[in-house]
Amino acid sequence: MSRIGEVLAPARLGTGFRWLLASSWTSNLGDGIALAAGPLLVASLTSDAFVVALSATVQWLPPLLFGLLAGAVTDRLDRRLIVATVDTCRAVVLAVLTAAVATDHVSIAAVLGALFVLGTAEVFADNSSQTLLPMLVARDDLAVANSRLQTGFVTVNQLAGPPLGAALFTVGAAWALGVQAVVVLLGAVLVTRVVLPPAEPDQGPRRALRHDIAEGLRWVRHNPAVRTLVLTITIFNVTFGAAWSVLVLYATERLGLGAVGFGLVSTVSALGGIAGTAAYGWITRRVSLGNLLRVGLVIETLTHLVLALTTSPWVALPVFFVFGAHAFVWGTTSITVRQRAVPQALQGRVGSVNLVGVFGGLVIGSGIGGVLAQHGGVTAPFWFAFAGSAVFVVLIWRSLRHVAHADELPAPVGPLPGTPADGTLPA
């Protein structure tokens, strides 16, 4: 067992990282259950394609509304305490929703409202948790540490969670929600065991939150690599969000899969992610970062095309497998690039800019997807995703070279007070 533990979380990464890893994996199990249980709960209350897509929108809207605020709060307060407190609040909301479902006092409006609240809480939890890793491990270990966190995301969030959520839902929706509440609460308890290094003393008067937010936005604007990543993620999440907002309908109607079969889609994607995990080191030793990102964008574009054309699960499921591998490789690479390039004092704010790009794209995409599906059928969002992705790949192709040496770029201007290695821009 000690040998397995050393492989998963090498001792050099420290005890704090192991507690963070345990908390992350546990919370991701709860989120994985929700990946299947949430859409199935909505689909059990309505068959309207627009409302189904709206359920995705209300979960993706909070990061767009509160992402920048969350980043500023993250850089001001105890990041570990933010994660623990917010995850506890999520568990309480899930417990209330569980009781409502169990007593048949639930409506589609109540579910949508709960999803919005849970999405809002997750904005603060996710933004803060991403900033903990650079505080716990050395810069040169960020890639391996991120790969371990991403491995947990793939295995429990996408592989174990969705089929478990779908199976629990077939027993009863309340069971799926109740188990998720317990798991999320356990994740909150585990993160309290993380011991962070002493924070730099706050020097000077406290500034307005809007000043902190503007500082993060300026830093991104002046860093070519991070700016390119944010732009790419934003546009590709518009196309991805359009298609995936109706995935539950695509899987159940177009592919003829039931509730458990819908969970299988996520499971197959997760298996692809595990394959990406196993091959990640080999790939990054042989393929340049710029080319790796380019290949990933081509894979995602072709994914939408094949899914728009096929009606066969035997064709679609291998596509989901390849897409899962691509998603792992892209996600691990992009977050490592960002963490290496961004000063510690700005991790929360720059991360929040990226988060707004991610979910801003998803919100726009899900709205487009709902309208297209309602008027053009369930494959219309996938055709839109293919066309939009193809055009953007052509436009962004050369700019991806900026990403290759993101961590070698100098800080835009001088250091922040009390943090000599951190670069930022003047107010």
Protein backbone atom coordinates (compact mmCIF):
# COMPACT_ATOMS: atom_id res chain seq x y z
CA MET A 1 0.00 0.00 0.00
CA SER A 2 2.87 2.37 0.82
CA ARG A 3 4.26 1.79 -2.67
CA ILE A 4 0.89 2.67 -4.23
CA GLY A 5 0.71 5.76 -2.04
CA GLU A 6 4.17 6.83 -3.18
CA VAL A 7 3.13 6.48 -6.82
CA LEU A 8 -0.09 8.45 -6.33
CA ALA A 9 1.35 11.11 -4.03
CA PRO A 10 5.17 11.08 -3.87
CA ALA A 11 6.53 11.91 -0.43
CA ARG A 12 8.48 14.87 -1.82
CA LEU A 13 5.15 16.61 -2.50
CA GLY A 14 4.47 16.72 1.24
CA THR A 15 1.70 15.78 3.67
CA GLY A 16 -0.29 18.88 2.80
CA PHE A 17 -0.54 17.77 -0.80
CA ARG A 18 -1.79 14.34 0.27
CA TRP A 19 -4.61 15.89 2.30
CA LEU A 20 -5.44 18.18 -0.62
CA LEU A 21 -5.45 15.18 -2.96
CA ALA A 22 -7.78 13.25 -0.65
CA SER A 23 -10.15 16.20 -0.38
CA SER A 24 -10.09 16.79 -4.14
CA TRP A 25 -10.79 13.17 -5.00
CA THR A 26 -13.61 12.98 -2.46
CA SER A 27 -15.29 16.19 -3.63
CA ASN A 28 -14.90 15.08 -7.23
CA LEU A 29 -16.80 11.90 -6.45
CA GLY A 30 -19.72 14.02 -5.28
CA ASP A 31 -19.49 16.18 -8.40
CA GLY A 32 -19.32 13.03 -10.54
CA ILE A 33 -22.54 11.74 -9.02
CA ALA A 34 -24.12 15.07 -9.90
CA LEU A 35 -22.99 14.80 -13.54
CA ALA A 36 -25.52 12.01 -14.06
CA ALA A 37 -28.05 12.65 -11.29
CA GLY A 38 -28.56 16.36 -12.08
CA PRO A 39 -29.52 16.05 -15.76
CA LEU A 40 -31.57 12.92 -15.03
CA LEU A 41 -33.50 14.75 -12.32
CA VAL A 42 -34.25 17.63 -14.69
CA ALA A 43 -35.18 15.23 -17.50
CA SER A 44 -37.55 13.40 -15.15
CA LEU A 45 -39.43 16.65 -14.52
CA THR A 46 -39.53 17.99 -18.10
CA SER A 47 -38.85 16.84 -21.67
CA ASP A 48 -38.57 20.38 -23.06
CA ALA A 49 -35.15 20.65 -24.77
CA PHE A 50 -34.88 24.34 -23.94
CA VAL A 51 -35.49 23.75 -20.23
CA VAL A 52 -32.99 20.88 -20.21
CA ALA A 53 -30.40 23.18 -21.76
CA LEU A 54 -31.41 25.91 -19.28
CA SER A 55 -30.50 23.58 -16.41
CA ALA A 56 -26.95 23.54 -17.76
CA THR A 57 -27.02 27.32 -18.16
CA VAL A 58 -27.99 28.01 -14.53
CA GLN A 59 -25.02 25.92 -13.38
CA TRP A 60 -22.63 27.64 -15.79
CA LEU A 61 -23.91 31.18 -15.21
CA PRO A 62 -22.56 31.75 -11.64
CA PRO A 63 -18.88 31.69 -12.68
CA LEU A 64 -19.66 34.33 -15.27
CA LEU A 65 -21.44 36.49 -12.69
CA PHE A 66 -19.21 35.91 -9.66
CA GLY A 67 -15.94 34.54 -11.03
CA LEU A 68 -13.93 37.77 -10.87
CA LEU A 69 -15.25 38.51 -7.37
CA ALA A 70 -14.28 35.00 -6.28
CA GLY A 71 -10.76 35.56 -7.57
CA ALA A 72 -10.34 38.78 -5.60
CA VAL A 73 -11.75 37.16 -2.44
CA THR A 74 -9.43 34.17 -2.90
CA ASP A 75 -6.35 36.40 -2.96
CA ARG A 76 -7.48 38.23 0.19
CA LEU A 77 -8.73 35.51 2.57
CA ASP A 78 -7.65 32.12 3.88
CA ARG A 79 -7.98 29.97 0.76
CA ARG A 80 -8.34 26.71 2.68
CA LEU A 81 -11.10 28.16 4.87
CA ILE A 82 -12.99 29.35 1.80
CA VAL A 83 -13.03 25.83 0.33
CA ALA A 84 -14.13 24.20 3.60
CA THR A 85 -16.87 26.74 4.31
CA VAL A 86 -18.33 26.79 0.82
CA ASP A 87 -18.33 23.00 0.48
CA THR A 88 -20.16 22.75 3.78
CA CYS A 89 -22.79 25.14 2.44
CA ARG A 90 -23.10 23.01 -0.70
CA ALA A 91 -23.75 19.94 1.44
CA VAL A 92 -26.52 21.76 3.30
CA VAL A 93 -28.24 22.82 0.06
CA LEU A 94 -28.02 19.26 -1.25
CA ALA A 95 -29.54 17.95 1.99
CA VAL A 96 -32.49 20.34 1.63
CA LEU A 97 -33.00 19.33 -2.00
CA THR A 98 -32.82 15.66 -0.98
CA ALA A 99 -35.61 16.19 1.54
CA ALA A 100 -37.74 17.99 -1.05
CA VAL A 101 -37.33 15.16 -3.58
CA ALA A 102 -37.96 12.47 -0.96
CA THR A 103 -41.23 14.09 0.09
CA ASP A 104 -42.37 14.86 -3.48
CA HIS A 105 -42.28 18.61 -2.87
CA VAL A 106 -39.93 19.38 -5.74
CA SER A 107 -40.58 21.37 -8.91
CA ILE A 108 -38.46 22.21 -11.93
CA ALA A 109 -38.20 25.82 -10.69
CA ALA A 110 -36.89 24.62 -7.30
CA VAL A 111 -34.34 22.35 -8.96
CA LEU A 112 -33.12 25.13 -11.24
CA GLY A 113 -32.82 27.45 -8.24
CA ALA A 114 -30.84 24.87 -6.27
CA LEU A 115 -28.53 24.26 -9.22
CA PHE A 116 -27.84 28.00 -9.42
CA VAL A 117 -26.99 28.20 -5.71
CA LEU A 118 -24.77 25.12 -5.92
CA GLY A 119 -23.05 26.56 -8.99
CA THR A 120 -22.42 29.85 -7.18
CA ALA A 121 -20.88 28.07 -4.20
CA GLU A 122 -18.71 25.97 -6.47
CA VAL A 123 -17.24 29.10 -8.08
CA PHE A 124 -15.63 30.14 -4.79
CA ALA A 125 -14.61 26.58 -3.86
CA ASP A 126 -13.02 25.72 -7.20
CA ASN A 127 -11.21 29.03 -7.61
CA SER A 128 -9.73 28.81 -4.12
CA SER A 129 -8.79 25.14 -4.34
CA GLN A 130 -6.78 25.68 -7.55
CA THR A 131 -4.60 28.24 -5.75
CA LEU A 132 -3.70 25.83 -2.92
CA LEU A 133 -1.46 23.61 -5.01
CA PRO A 134 1.23 26.22 -5.89
CA MET A 135 1.41 27.01 -2.15
CA LEU A 136 2.16 23.39 -1.26
CA VAL A 137 4.54 22.04 -3.91
CA ALA A 138 7.64 23.31 -5.68
CA ARG A 139 7.37 24.88 -9.11
CA ASP A 140 9.10 21.95 -10.82
CA ASP A 141 6.63 19.53 -9.22
CA LEU A 142 3.49 21.34 -10.41
CA ALA A 143 3.13 19.16 -13.50
CA VAL A 144 3.20 15.87 -11.59
CA ALA A 145 1.00 17.27 -8.80
CA ASN A 146 -1.56 18.56 -11.29
CA SER A 147 -1.54 15.22 -13.11
CA ARG A 148 -2.40 13.47 -9.82
CA LEU A 149 -5.27 15.87 -9.16
CA GLN A 150 -6.47 15.48 -12.74
CA THR A 151 -6.20 11.69 -12.43
CA GLY A 152 -8.59 11.88 -9.48
CA PHE A 153 -10.89 14.10 -11.50
CA VAL A 154 -10.95 11.59 -14.32
CA THR A 155 -11.32 8.44 -12.24
CA VAL A 156 -13.86 9.53 -9.64
CA ASN A 157 -15.56 12.55 -11.24
CA GLN A 158 -15.97 11.08 -14.70
CA LEU A 159 -15.42 7.32 -14.33
CA ALA A 160 -16.84 6.25 -10.97
CA GLY A 161 -19.20 9.15 -10.21
CA PRO A 162 -21.59 9.25 -13.21
CA PRO A 163 -22.48 5.53 -13.29
CA LEU A 164 -22.84 5.58 -9.51
CA GLY A 165 -25.09 8.64 -9.79
CA ALA A 166 -27.15 7.01 -12.54
CA ALA A 167 -27.45 3.76 -10.56
CA LEU A 168 -28.48 5.62 -7.41
CA PHE A 169 -31.00 7.62 -9.43
CA THR A 170 -32.66 4.42 -10.66
CA VAL A 171 -33.14 3.46 -7.00
CA GLY A 172 -34.42 6.92 -6.16
CA ALA A 173 -33.43 10.50 -6.92
CA ALA A 174 -33.19 11.25 -3.19
CA TRP A 175 -30.53 8.57 -2.80
CA ALA A 176 -28.33 10.16 -5.45
CA LEU A 177 -28.64 13.63 -3.92
CA GLY A 178 -28.18 12.39 -0.35
CA VAL A 179 -25.00 10.49 -1.12
CA GLN A 180 -23.64 13.51 -2.95
CA ALA A 181 -24.32 15.70 0.12
CA VAL A 182 -22.40 13.31 2.40
CA VAL A 183 -19.42 13.05 0.04
CA VAL A 184 -19.15 16.82 -0.46
CA LEU A 185 -19.23 17.34 3.31
CA LEU A 186 -16.43 14.79 3.77
CA GLY A 187 -14.34 16.68 1.23
CA ALA A 188 -14.81 19.85 3.27
CA VAL A 189 -13.58 18.07 6.40
CA LEU A 190 -10.50 16.68 4.65
CA VAL A 191 -9.36 20.05 3.30
CA THR A 192 -9.21 21.43 6.85
CA ARG A 193 -6.27 19.08 7.45
CA VAL A 194 -4.15 20.92 4.88
CA VAL A 195 -1.49 23.09 6.53
CA LEU A 196 -0.45 26.04 4.38
CA PRO A 197 2.82 27.96 4.69
CA PRO A 198 2.63 31.29 6.53
CA ALA A 199 1.06 34.01 4.40
CA GLU A 200 2.98 37.14 3.49
CA PRO A 201 2.05 40.03 5.77
CA ASP A 202 -0.44 42.46 4.28
CA GLN A 203 1.46 45.70 3.73
CA GLY A 204 -0.34 48.94 3.09
CA PRO A 205 -4.01 49.91 3.19
CA ARG A 206 -6.71 47.54 1.96
CA ARG A 207 -7.79 48.41 -1.56
CA ALA A 208 -11.23 48.14 -3.11
CA LEU A 209 -12.15 44.78 -4.61
CA ARG A 210 -12.64 46.38 -8.02
CA HIS A 211 -8.98 47.49 -7.94
CA ASP A 212 -7.85 43.91 -7.27
CA ILE A 213 -10.09 42.60 -10.05
CA ALA A 214 -8.76 45.16 -12.53
CA GLU A 215 -5.20 44.21 -11.61
CA GLY A 216 -5.86 40.58 -12.50
CA LEU A 217 -7.47 41.53 -15.81
CA ARG A 218 -4.52 43.76 -16.75
CA TRP A 219 -2.02 41.02 -15.95
CA VAL A 220 -3.81 38.57 -18.26
CA ARG A 221 -4.04 41.17 -21.03
CA HIS A 222 -0.29 41.75 -20.94
CA ASN A 223 0.79 38.09 -20.79
CA PRO A 224 0.62 36.57 -24.31
CA ALA A 225 0.59 32.92 -23.24
CA VAL A 226 -2.10 33.16 -20.58
CA ARG A 227 -4.14 35.54 -22.76
CA THR A 228 -4.05 33.03 -25.63
CA LEU A 229 -5.11 30.20 -23.32
CA VAL A 230 -8.03 32.19 -21.95
CA LEU A 231 -9.21 33.19 -25.42
CA THR A 232 -8.95 29.64 -26.73
CA ILE A 233 -10.75 28.12 -23.75
CA THR A 234 -13.52 30.72 -24.00
CA ILE A 235 -14.27 30.14 -27.68
CA PHE A 236 -14.01 26.38 -27.50
CA ASN A 237 -16.36 26.30 -24.52
CA VAL A 238 -18.94 28.19 -26.56
CA THR A 239 -18.89 25.36 -29.10
CA PHE A 240 -18.53 22.64 -26.46
CA GLY A 241 -21.31 24.15 -24.33
CA ALA A 242 -23.71 24.24 -27.28
CA ALA A 243 -23.28 20.53 -27.94
CA TRP A 244 -22.94 19.22 -24.38
CA SER A 245 -25.90 21.22 -23.04
CA VAL A 246 -28.21 18.70 -24.75
CA LEU A 247 -25.97 15.66 -24.24
CA VAL A 248 -28.54 13.88 -22.09
CA LEU A 249 -31.08 14.17 -24.93
CA TYR A 250 -28.47 13.23 -27.54
CA ALA A 251 -27.50 10.09 -25.62
CA THR A 252 -31.02 8.97 -24.76
CA GLU A 253 -32.82 9.93 -28.00
CA ARG A 254 -30.22 10.02 -30.79
CA LEU A 255 -28.11 7.09 -29.56
CA GLY A 256 -30.99 5.22 -27.92
CA LEU A 257 -29.28 4.91 -24.53
CA GLY A 258 -31.24 4.93 -21.26
CA ALA A 259 -30.38 6.53 -17.93
CA VAL A 260 -27.57 4.08 -17.17
CA GLY A 261 -26.40 4.37 -20.77
CA PHE A 262 -26.13 8.13 -20.34
CA GLY A 263 -23.81 7.48 -17.40
CA LEU A 264 -21.82 5.18 -19.69
CA VAL A 265 -20.99 8.14 -21.95
CA SER A 266 -19.16 9.82 -19.08
CA THR A 267 -17.57 6.52 -18.09
CA VAL A 268 -16.12 5.98 -21.56
CA SER A 269 -14.82 9.56 -21.61
CA ALA A 270 -13.19 8.92 -18.24
CA LEU A 271 -11.50 5.76 -19.55
CA GLY A 272 -10.07 7.93 -22.31
CA GLY A 273 -8.86 10.32 -19.64
CA ILE A 274 -7.11 7.46 -17.85
CA ALA A 275 -5.42 6.54 -21.11
CA GLY A 276 -4.34 10.17 -21.42
CA THR A 277 -3.02 10.01 -17.86
CA ALA A 278 -0.91 6.95 -18.60
CA ALA A 279 0.49 8.42 -21.81
CA TYR A 280 0.91 12.02 -20.63
CA GLY A 281 4.59 11.81 -19.75
CA TRP A 282 5.44 9.96 -22.96
CA ILE A 283 3.46 12.47 -25.05
CA THR A 284 4.97 15.60 -23.49
CA ARG A 285 8.50 14.25 -23.98
CA ARG A 286 7.91 13.84 -27.71
CA VAL A 287 5.47 16.56 -28.72
CA SER A 288 6.03 20.28 -28.24
CA LEU A 289 3.49 22.15 -26.16
CA GLY A 290 2.31 24.25 -29.08
CA ASN A 291 1.77 21.21 -31.29
CA LEU A 292 0.07 19.37 -28.43
CA LEU A 293 -2.47 22.15 -28.10
CA ARG A 294 -3.00 22.27 -31.85
CA VAL A 295 -3.65 18.54 -32.06
CA GLY A 296 -6.11 18.82 -29.18
CA LEU A 297 -8.12 21.52 -30.94
CA VAL A 298 -8.30 19.42 -34.09
CA ILE A 299 -9.50 16.41 -32.07
CA GLU A 300 -12.23 18.46 -30.42
CA THR A 301 -13.38 19.87 -33.77
CA LEU A 302 -13.62 16.42 -35.35
CA THR A 303 -15.44 15.10 -32.27
CA HIS A 304 -18.36 17.43 -32.93
CA LEU A 305 -18.45 16.45 -36.62
CA VAL A 306 -18.59 12.70 -35.99
CA LEU A 307 -21.22 13.04 -33.26
CA ALA A 308 -23.36 15.18 -35.56
CA LEU A 309 -23.24 12.48 -38.25
CA THR A 310 -23.66 9.24 -36.32
CA THR A 311 -26.66 7.54 -34.74
CA SER A 312 -24.68 4.50 -33.56
CA PRO A 313 -23.42 4.13 -29.98
CA TRP A 314 -20.63 1.91 -31.37
CA VAL A 315 -19.30 4.89 -33.30
CA ALA A 316 -20.05 7.55 -30.70
CA LEU A 317 -18.53 5.78 -27.68
CA PRO A 318 -15.00 5.49 -29.19
CA VAL A 319 -15.25 9.19 -30.05
CA PHE A 320 -16.09 9.99 -26.41
CA PHE A 321 -13.06 7.88 -25.40
CA VAL A 322 -10.68 9.89 -27.59
CA PHE A 323 -12.27 13.15 -26.45
CA GLY A 324 -11.72 12.12 -22.82
CA ALA A 325 -8.01 11.59 -23.45
CA HIS A 326 -7.77 14.96 -25.18
CA ALA A 327 -9.60 16.72 -22.32
CA PHE A 328 -7.17 15.33 -19.73
CA VAL A 329 -4.06 16.27 -21.70
CA TRP A 330 -5.36 19.75 -22.47
CA GLY A 331 -6.57 20.41 -18.93
CA THR A 332 -3.38 19.26 -17.22
CA THR A 333 -1.16 21.22 -19.60
CA SER A 334 -3.11 24.47 -19.50
CA ILE A 335 -3.41 24.64 -15.71
CA THR A 336 0.30 23.86 -15.26
CA VAL A 337 1.26 26.57 -17.74
CA ARG A 338 -0.93 29.06 -15.91
CA GLN A 339 0.30 28.17 -12.41
CA ARG A 340 3.93 28.44 -13.47
CA ALA A 341 3.45 31.76 -15.23
CA VAL A 342 1.28 33.55 -12.66
CA PRO A 343 2.68 35.19 -9.49
CA GLN A 344 1.43 33.66 -6.23
CA ALA A 345 -0.30 36.86 -5.15
CA LEU A 346 -2.31 36.89 -8.38
CA GLN A 347 -3.17 33.18 -8.65
CA GLY A 348 -6.78 33.67 -7.53
CA ARG A 349 -7.52 36.62 -9.78
CA VAL A 350 -5.86 35.25 -12.91
CA GLY A 351 -7.49 31.90 -12.28
CA SER A 352 -10.84 33.67 -12.01
CA VAL A 353 -10.32 35.37 -15.39
CA ASN A 354 -9.76 31.92 -16.87
CA LEU A 355 -12.83 30.65 -14.99
CA VAL A 356 -14.99 33.45 -16.40
CA GLY A 357 -13.73 32.56 -19.86
CA VAL A 358 -14.55 28.89 -19.33
CA PHE A 359 -18.05 29.38 -18.02
CA GLY A 360 -18.81 32.48 -20.04
CA GLY A 361 -18.27 30.32 -23.08
CA LEU A 362 -20.42 27.55 -21.61
CA VAL A 363 -23.27 29.93 -20.78
CA ILE A 364 -23.30 31.41 -24.27
CA GLY A 365 -22.93 27.99 -25.83
CA SER A 366 -25.69 26.36 -23.77
CA GLY A 367 -28.09 29.15 -24.72
CA ILE A 368 -27.24 28.68 -28.38
CA GLY A 369 -27.51 24.91 -28.01
CA GLY A 370 -30.96 25.08 -26.44
CA VAL A 371 -32.34 27.30 -29.19
CA LEU A 372 -30.75 25.25 -31.98
CA ALA A 373 -31.99 21.95 -30.53
CA GLN A 374 -35.49 23.31 -30.10
CA HIS A 375 -35.72 24.46 -33.73
CA GLY A 376 -33.30 22.20 -35.60
CA GLY A 377 -33.21 18.96 -33.62
CA VAL A 378 -30.75 17.47 -31.19
CA THR A 379 -27.87 17.35 -33.71
CA ALA A 380 -28.05 21.03 -34.63
CA PRO A 381 -25.84 22.11 -31.69
CA PHE A 382 -23.18 19.60 -32.78
CA TRP A 383 -23.12 21.02 -36.32
CA PHE A 384 -22.75 24.51 -34.86
CA ALA A 385 -19.93 23.27 -32.61
CA PHE A 386 -18.08 21.73 -35.55
CA ALA A 387 -18.33 24.82 -37.75
CA GLY A 388 -17.39 27.25 -34.98
CA SER A 389 -14.45 25.16 -33.79
CA ALA A 390 -13.10 24.71 -37.31
CA VAL A 391 -13.12 28.46 -38.00
CA PHE A 392 -11.42 29.29 -34.70
CA VAL A 393 -8.70 26.65 -35.16
CA VAL A 394 -7.68 28.36 -38.39
CA LEU A 395 -7.62 31.79 -36.72
CA ILE A 396 -5.72 30.77 -33.56
CA TRP A 397 -3.28 28.29 -35.11
CA ARG A 398 -0.19 30.52 -35.20
CA SER A 399 -0.87 32.27 -31.89
CA LEU A 400 -0.54 29.01 -29.95
CA ARG A 401 3.24 29.32 -30.21
CA HIS A 402 3.09 31.90 -27.36
CA VAL A 403 2.05 29.18 -24.94
CA ALA A 404 5.15 27.04 -25.35
CA HIS A 405 7.33 29.13 -23.02
CA ALA A 406 4.75 30.78 -20.77
CA ASP A 407 6.70 30.23 -17.57
CA GLU A 408 9.82 31.78 -19.12
CA LEU A 409 8.14 35.12 -19.83
CA PRO A 410 9.18 37.95 -17.50
CA ALA A 411 6.66 39.52 -15.17
CA PRO A 412 5.03 42.50 -16.92
CA VAL A 413 6.18 45.10 -14.36
CA GLY A 414 7.71 45.33 -10.87
CA PRO A 415 6.89 43.23 -7.80
CA LEU A 416 4.00 43.63 -5.42
CA PRO A 417 4.87 44.87 -1.91
CA GLY A 418 6.06 42.00 0.25
CA THR A 419 6.33 39.54 -2.65
CA PRO A 420 9.63 40.21 -4.47
CA ALA A 421 9.17 37.48 -7.08
CA ASP A 422 5.69 38.52 -8.09
CA GLY A 423 5.10 40.76 -11.06
CA THR A 424 2.03 42.89 -11.65
CA LEU A 425 0.93 46.03 -13.40
CA PRO A 426 0.47 49.43 -11.81
CA ALA A 427 -3.00 50.68 -11.01
